[in-house]
Amino acid sequence: MNDESPMTCPSCTSEMESGVVLGRAPGVKFKNRRSTAGDLGGIRLTKGFFNHSVEAWRCPSCATVVIPG
């Protein structure tokens, strides 16, 4: 993913592992809450045309996933 030093989990303070979050069109988005609009609107977290991805960190201890801004 990158050459940065490992990230510490914000939930349990274990060392996180780097990887990617994957999805398909129309991509993965962040919304403040669910709505009847589904995935319309929201902040797009992934990039790509058919297969979408974003770099992320995952904690193997508690499964917390962090997507850096």
Protein backbone atom coordinates (compact mmCIF):
# COMPACT_ATOMS: atom_id res chain seq x y z
CA MET A 1 0.00 0.00 0.00
CA ASN A 2 2.58 2.56 1.07
CA ASP A 3 5.90 2.85 2.87
CA GLU A 4 4.49 4.54 5.99
CA SER A 5 5.03 2.98 9.39
CA PRO A 6 2.15 0.79 10.63
CA MET A 7 -0.90 2.54 12.01
CA THR A 8 -2.19 1.93 15.54
CA CYS A 9 -5.84 0.89 15.80
CA PRO A 10 -8.01 3.68 17.24
CA SER A 11 -10.28 1.09 18.92
CA CYS A 12 -7.91 -1.38 20.58
CA THR A 13 -4.39 0.09 19.94
CA SER A 14 -3.14 -3.04 18.10
CA GLU A 15 -0.95 -2.67 15.02
CA MET A 16 -3.04 -2.45 11.84
CA GLU A 17 -2.25 -4.06 8.47
CA SER A 18 -2.41 -2.18 5.16
CA GLY A 19 -4.64 -3.23 2.27
CA VAL A 20 -7.53 -2.04 0.11
CA VAL A 21 -11.32 -1.85 0.28
CA LEU A 22 -12.82 -3.13 -2.98
CA GLY A 23 -16.24 -2.65 -4.54
CA ARG A 24 -18.12 -2.51 -7.81
CA ALA A 25 -19.98 0.29 -9.58
CA PRO A 26 -21.20 2.76 -8.47
CA GLY A 27 -18.48 2.49 -5.81
CA VAL A 28 -18.36 2.73 -2.03
CA LYS A 29 -19.69 5.91 -0.42
CA PHE A 30 -19.94 7.40 3.06
CA LYS A 31 -23.28 8.80 4.28
CA ASN A 32 -24.25 10.11 7.71
CA ARG A 33 -27.20 7.70 7.80
CA ARG A 34 -29.14 5.25 5.63
CA SER A 35 -31.98 6.63 3.55
CA THR A 36 -34.44 5.59 0.87
CA ALA A 37 -32.03 7.15 -1.67
CA GLY A 38 -29.64 4.23 -1.15
CA ASP A 39 -26.21 4.97 -2.61
CA LEU A 40 -27.30 8.20 -4.31
CA GLY A 41 -25.43 11.11 -2.81
CA GLY A 42 -22.82 10.73 -0.12
CA ILE A 43 -19.06 11.09 -0.25
CA ARG A 44 -17.36 8.69 -2.64
CA LEU A 45 -14.54 6.78 -0.94
CA THR A 46 -13.33 4.68 -3.88
CA LYS A 47 -11.83 5.37 -7.28
CA GLY A 48 -12.07 3.41 -10.49
CA PHE A 49 -14.50 2.85 -13.36
CA PHE A 50 -15.73 -0.76 -13.13
CA ASN A 51 -13.83 -2.10 -10.11
CA HIS A 52 -13.47 0.43 -7.32
CA SER A 53 -10.81 0.50 -4.61
CA VAL A 54 -9.38 2.68 -1.85
CA GLU A 55 -6.30 2.18 0.33
CA ALA A 56 -7.11 1.29 3.93
CA TRP A 57 -5.82 -0.14 7.22
CA ARG A 58 -7.48 -3.09 9.04
CA CYS A 59 -6.96 -4.27 12.58
CA PRO A 60 -6.55 -8.07 12.74
CA SER A 61 -7.56 -8.04 16.43
CA CYS A 62 -10.90 -6.18 16.40
CA ALA A 63 -11.62 -5.81 12.64
CA THR A 64 -11.75 -1.99 12.70
CA VAL A 65 -11.10 -0.54 9.22
CA VAL A 66 -9.63 2.95 8.72
CA ILE A 67 -9.70 4.72 5.35
CA PRO A 68 -7.24 7.64 5.49
CA GLY A 69 -8.55 10.94 4.11
